[in-house]
C-alpha atoms as a PDB file:
ATOM      1  CA  UNK A   1       2.677   5.803  -2.637  1.00  0.00           C
ATOM      2  CA  UNK A   2       4.572   8.013  -5.054  1.00  0.00           C
ATOM      3  CA  UNK A   3       2.239   7.078  -7.920  1.00  0.00           C
ATOM      4  CA  UNK A   4      -0.816   7.730  -5.769  1.00  0.00           C
ATOM      5  CA  UNK A   5       0.427  11.113  -4.565  1.00  0.00           C
ATOM      6  CA  UNK A   6       1.566  12.160  -8.032  1.00  0.00           C
ATOM      7  CA  UNK A   7      -1.717  11.044  -9.597  1.00  0.00           C
ATOM      8  CA  UNK A   8      -3.774  12.973  -7.059  1.00  0.00           C
ATOM      9  CA  UNK A   9      -1.661  16.091  -7.627  1.00  0.00           C
ATOM     10  CA  UNK A  10      -1.906  15.764 -11.420  1.00  0.00           C
ATOM     11  CA  UNK A  11      -5.707  15.713 -11.199  1.00  0.00           C
ATOM     12  CA  UNK A  12      -5.547  19.424 -10.369  1.00  0.00           C
ATOM     13  CA  UNK A  13      -3.710  20.326 -13.576  1.00  0.00           C
ATOM     14  CA  UNK A  14      -5.538  17.985 -15.966  1.00  0.00           C
ATOM     15  CA  UNK A  15      -7.203  19.914 -18.784  1.00  0.00           C
ATOM     16  CA  UNK A  16      -8.178  17.083 -21.126  1.00  0.00           C
ATOM     17  CA  UNK A  17      -9.902  13.734 -20.772  1.00  0.00           C
ATOM     18  CA  UNK A  18      -6.763  11.752 -21.577  1.00  0.00           C
ATOM     19  CA  UNK A  19      -4.805  13.635 -18.883  1.00  0.00           C
ATOM     20  CA  UNK A  20      -7.530  12.920 -16.340  1.00  0.00           C
ATOM     21  CA  UNK A  21      -7.588   9.274 -17.436  1.00  0.00           C
ATOM     22  CA  UNK A  22      -3.829   8.987 -17.054  1.00  0.00           C
ATOM     23  CA  UNK A  23      -3.768  10.707 -13.653  1.00  0.00           C
ATOM     24  CA  UNK A  24      -6.798   9.019 -12.122  1.00  0.00           C
ATOM     25  CA  UNK A  25      -7.166   5.817 -14.090  1.00  0.00           C
ATOM     26  CA  UNK A  26      -3.516   4.827 -14.259  1.00  0.00           C
ATOM     27  CA  UNK A  27      -1.498   6.590 -11.557  1.00  0.00           C
ATOM     28  CA  UNK A  28      -4.133   6.694  -8.813  1.00  0.00           C
ATOM     29  CA  UNK A  29      -5.413   3.223  -9.760  1.00  0.00           C
ATOM     30  CA  UNK A  30      -1.991   1.591  -9.670  1.00  0.00           C
ATOM     31  CA  UNK A  31      -1.050   3.581  -6.560  1.00  0.00           C
ATOM     32  CA  UNK A  32      -4.178   2.434  -4.713  1.00  0.00           C
ATOM     33  CA  UNK A  33      -3.664  -1.171  -5.779  1.00  0.00           C
ATOM     34  CA  UNK A  34      -0.018  -1.090  -4.680  1.00  0.00           C
ATOM     35  CA  UNK A  35      -0.882   0.208  -1.210  1.00  0.00           C
ATOM     36  CA  UNK A  36      -3.905  -1.922  -0.399  1.00  0.00           C
ATOM     37  CA  UNK A  37      -4.834  -5.447   0.707  1.00  0.00           C
ATOM     38  CA  UNK A  38      -2.352  -7.697  -1.074  1.00  0.00           C
ATOM     39  CA  UNK A  39       0.673  -5.689   0.051  1.00  0.00           C
ATOM     40  CA  UNK A  40      -0.502  -5.338   3.639  1.00  0.00           C
ATOM     41  CA  UNK A  41      -1.478  -9.006   3.838  1.00  0.00           C
ATOM     42  CA  UNK A  42       2.032  -9.970   2.712  1.00  0.00           C
ATOM     43  CA  UNK A  43       3.574  -7.700   5.362  1.00  0.00           C
ATOM     44  CA  UNK A  44       1.429  -9.238   8.090  1.00  0.00           C
ATOM     45  CA  UNK A  45       2.280 -12.752   6.894  1.00  0.00           C
ATOM     46  CA  UNK A  46       5.986 -11.915   7.012  1.00  0.00           C
ATOM     47  CA  UNK A  47       5.934 -10.223  10.427  1.00  0.00           C
ATOM     48  CA  UNK A  48       3.538 -12.475  12.385  1.00  0.00           C
ATOM     49  CA  UNK A  49       3.632 -16.194  13.112  1.00  0.00           C
ATOM     50  CA  UNK A  50       1.305 -16.063  16.105  1.00  0.00           C
ATOM     51  CA  UNK A  51      -1.906 -13.968  16.041  1.00  0.00           C
ATOM     52  CA  UNK A  52      -1.592 -13.388  12.294  1.00  0.00           C
ATOM     53  CA  UNK A  53      -5.363 -13.227  11.785  1.00  0.00           C
ATOM     54  CA  UNK A  54      -5.741 -10.725  14.603  1.00  0.00           C
ATOM     55  CA  UNK A  55      -2.976  -8.546  13.156  1.00  0.00           C
ATOM     56  CA  UNK A  56      -4.601  -8.694   9.713  1.00  0.00           C
ATOM     57  CA  UNK A  57      -7.961  -7.672  11.160  1.00  0.00           C
ATOM     58  CA  UNK A  58      -6.366  -4.734  12.998  1.00  0.00           C
ATOM     59  CA  UNK A  59      -4.724  -3.599   9.772  1.00  0.00           C
ATOM     60  CA  UNK A  60      -8.036  -3.806   7.899  1.00  0.00           C
ATOM     61  CA  UNK A  61      -9.715  -1.849  10.675  1.00  0.00           C
ATOM     62  CA  UNK A  62      -6.983   0.800  10.583  1.00  0.00           C
ATOM     63  CA  UNK A  63      -7.671   1.357   6.889  1.00  0.00           C
ATOM     64  CA  UNK A  64     -11.372   1.826   7.511  1.00  0.00           C
ATOM     65  CA  UNK A  65     -10.689   4.179  10.414  1.00  0.00           C
ATOM     66  CA  UNK A  66      -8.304   6.134   8.205  1.00  0.00           C
ATOM     67  CA  UNK A  67     -11.062   6.683   5.655  1.00  0.00           C
ATOM     68  CA  UNK A  68     -13.302   7.910   8.492  1.00  0.00           C
ATOM     69  CA  UNK A  69     -10.778  10.708   9.042  1.00  0.00           C
ATOM     70  CA  UNK A  70      -9.659  11.392   5.465  1.00  0.00           C
ATOM     71  CA  UNK A  71     -13.088  11.696   3.840  1.00  0.00           C
ATOM     72  CA  UNK A  72     -14.558  14.249   6.286  1.00  0.00           C
ATOM     73  CA  UNK A  73     -11.284  16.210   6.319  1.00  0.00           C
ATOM     74  CA  UNK A  74     -11.295  16.332   2.523  1.00  0.00           C
ATOM     75  CA  UNK A  75     -14.938  17.442   2.553  1.00  0.00           C
ATOM     76  CA  UNK A  76     -14.144  20.320   4.912  1.00  0.00           C
ATOM     77  CA  UNK A  77     -11.185  21.401   2.784  1.00  0.00           C
ATOM     78  CA  UNK A  78     -13.219  21.146  -0.427  1.00  0.00           C
ATOM     79  CA  UNK A  79     -16.138  23.140   0.993  1.00  0.00           C
ATOM     80  CA  UNK A  80     -13.869  25.758   2.568  1.00  0.00           C
ATOM     81  CA  UNK A  81     -11.586  26.211  -0.445  1.00  0.00           C
ATOM     82  CA  UNK A  82     -12.178  24.165  -3.604  1.00  0.00           C
ATOM     83  CA  UNK A  83     -11.616  20.709  -5.028  1.00  0.00           C
ATOM     84  CA  UNK A  84      -8.208  21.618  -6.496  1.00  0.00           C
ATOM     85  CA  UNK A  85      -6.871  22.759  -3.129  1.00  0.00           C
ATOM     86  CA  UNK A  86      -8.201  19.597  -1.512  1.00  0.00           C
ATOM     87  CA  UNK A  87      -6.450  17.342  -4.044  1.00  0.00           C
ATOM     88  CA  UNK A  88      -3.230  19.351  -3.796  1.00  0.00           C
ATOM     89  CA  UNK A  89      -3.216  19.031  -0.021  1.00  0.00           C
ATOM     90  CA  UNK A  90      -3.966  15.319  -0.276  1.00  0.00           C
ATOM     91  CA  UNK A  91      -1.181  14.801  -2.823  1.00  0.00           C
ATOM     92  CA  UNK A  92       1.257  16.829  -0.732  1.00  0.00           C
ATOM     93  CA  UNK A  93       0.461  14.820   2.403  1.00  0.00           C
ATOM     94  CA  UNK A  94       0.870  11.541   0.503  1.00  0.00           C
ATOM     95  CA  UNK A  95       4.193  12.602  -1.034  1.00  0.00           C
ATOM     96  CA  UNK A  96       5.603  14.608   1.860  1.00  0.00           C
ATOM     97  CA  UNK A  97       4.382  12.732   4.943  1.00  0.00           C
ATOM     98  CA  UNK A  98       3.096   9.246   4.163  1.00  0.00           C
ATOM     99  CA  UNK A  99       5.724   8.232   1.594  1.00  0.00           C
ATOM    100  CA  UNK A 100       8.711   9.211   3.795  1.00  0.00           C
ATOM    101  CA  UNK A 101       7.089   7.443   6.767  1.00  0.00           C
ATOM    102  CA  UNK A 102       6.714   4.265   4.700  1.00  0.00           C
ATOM    103  CA  UNK A 103      10.320   4.475   3.486  1.00  0.00           C
ATOM    104  CA  UNK A 104      11.617   5.007   7.022  1.00  0.00           C
ATOM    105  CA  UNK A 105       9.481   2.562   9.013  1.00  0.00           C
ATOM    106  CA  UNK A 106       8.168  -0.241   6.773  1.00  0.00           C
ATOM    107  CA  UNK A 107      10.383  -3.251   6.148  1.00  0.00           C
ATOM    108  CA  UNK A 108       9.287  -6.271   4.135  1.00  0.00           C
ATOM    109  CA  UNK A 109      10.582  -8.879   6.551  1.00  0.00           C
ATOM    110  CA  UNK A 110      11.727  -8.791  10.169  1.00  0.00           C
ATOM    111  CA  UNK A 111      14.912 -10.583   9.105  1.00  0.00           C
ATOM    112  CA  UNK A 112      15.865  -7.432   7.169  1.00  0.00           C
ATOM    113  CA  UNK A 113      16.368  -5.668  10.510  1.00  0.00           C
ATOM    114  CA  UNK A 114      17.727  -8.652  12.472  1.00  0.00           C
ATOM    115  CA  UNK A 115      14.438  -9.666  14.088  1.00  0.00           C
ATOM    116  CA  UNK A 116      12.143 -12.684  13.978  1.00  0.00           C
ATOM    117  CA  UNK A 117       8.425 -12.721  13.199  1.00  0.00           C
ATOM    118  CA  UNK A 118       6.195 -12.303  16.236  1.00  0.00           C
ATOM    119  CA  UNK A 119       5.569 -15.730  17.709  1.00  0.00           C
ATOM    120  CA  UNK A 120       8.426 -17.476  15.913  1.00  0.00           C
ATOM    121  CA  UNK A 121      10.398 -20.104  17.787  1.00  0.00           C
ATOM    122  CA  UNK A 122      13.004 -18.186  19.763  1.00  0.00           C
ATOM    123  CA  UNK A 123      15.648 -20.916  19.320  1.00  0.00           C
ATOM    124  CA  UNK A 124      15.611 -20.512  15.538  1.00  0.00           C
ATOM    125  CA  UNK A 125      18.575 -18.413  14.414  1.00  0.00           C
ATOM    126  CA  UNK A 126      17.730 -15.158  12.689  1.00  0.00           C
ATOM    127  CA  UNK A 127      18.759 -15.373   9.013  1.00  0.00           C
ATOM    128  CA  UNK A 128      20.332 -12.456   7.219  1.00  0.00           C
ATOM    129  CA  UNK A 129      18.422 -10.165   4.865  1.00  0.00           C
ATOM    130  CA  UNK A 130      16.745 -11.944   1.988  1.00  0.00           C
ATOM    131  CA  UNK A 131      17.473 -11.119  -1.586  1.00  0.00           C
ATOM    132  CA  UNK A 132      14.704 -10.912  -4.196  1.00  0.00           C
ATOM    133  CA  UNK A 133      16.104 -13.996  -5.932  1.00  0.00           C
ATOM    134  CA  UNK A 134      15.852 -16.086  -2.759  1.00  0.00           C
ATOM    135  CA  UNK A 135      12.461 -14.748  -1.657  1.00  0.00           C
ATOM    136  CA  UNK A 136      10.337 -16.992  -3.917  1.00  0.00           C
ATOM    137  CA  UNK A 137       9.614 -17.955  -7.491  1.00  0.00           C
ATOM    138  CA  UNK A 138      10.181 -15.503 -10.342  1.00  0.00           C
ATOM    139  CA  UNK A 139       7.259 -13.342 -11.447  1.00  0.00           C
ATOM    140  CA  UNK A 140       7.274 -14.956 -14.894  1.00  0.00           C
ATOM    141  CA  UNK A 141       6.478 -18.315 -13.250  1.00  0.00           C
ATOM    142  CA  UNK A 142       4.103 -16.884 -10.651  1.00  0.00           C
ATOM    143  CA  UNK A 143       1.752 -15.323 -13.218  1.00  0.00           C
ATOM    144  CA  UNK A 144       1.218 -18.749 -14.786  1.00  0.00           C
ATOM    145  CA  UNK A 145      -0.011 -20.422 -11.594  1.00  0.00           C
ATOM    146  CA  UNK A 146      -3.650 -21.100 -10.744  1.00  0.00           C
ATOM    147  CA  UNK A 147      -3.272 -19.246  -7.442  1.00  0.00           C
ATOM    148  CA  UNK A 148      -2.197 -16.052  -9.235  1.00  0.00           C
ATOM    149  CA  UNK A 149      -5.085 -16.396 -11.676  1.00  0.00           C
ATOM    150  CA  UNK A 150      -7.497 -16.623  -8.756  1.00  0.00           C
ATOM    151  CA  UNK A 151      -5.957 -13.567  -7.078  1.00  0.00           C
ATOM    152  CA  UNK A 152      -6.174 -11.547 -10.281  1.00  0.00           C
ATOM    153  CA  UNK A 153      -9.782 -12.621 -10.834  1.00  0.00           C
ATOM    154  CA  UNK A 154     -10.740 -11.750  -7.257  1.00  0.00           C
ATOM    155  CA  UNK A 155      -8.992  -8.395  -7.588  1.00  0.00           C
ATOM    156  CA  UNK A 156     -11.248  -7.452 -10.496  1.00  0.00           C
ATOM    157  CA  UNK A 157     -14.489  -8.640  -8.893  1.00  0.00           C
END
């Protein structure tokens, strides 16, 4: 979220092509990728045992509904003021409202806050917080798997 907000803000002060490319192509691109489908799908998979597909569909719908609000609001701001003001407001909202909300409310796993996934067997004891080392295979091994290759390919198509 920080990269996305910073990239949007930096668009307003870009004066050369390479600055625009860095702000939009790198910061906004990485920020969008880090806040989209793969991350949200992992959160839903961690938090839901029962009704996981329904929860995933609600999350996808929420994103589409969000765009139905953001795009017209940005159009009104851009037409009333200018494109720089619109991007500055968008960057400020991302950095000052959305990012703190994510840091305060979003947790990777329910076990991190002493809960169980929705629909999990109630008799199963709640484990303690997971550490990155115990959460799965290392990234260096994951990037060499066929599943990761398919995900990367699908991400670019």
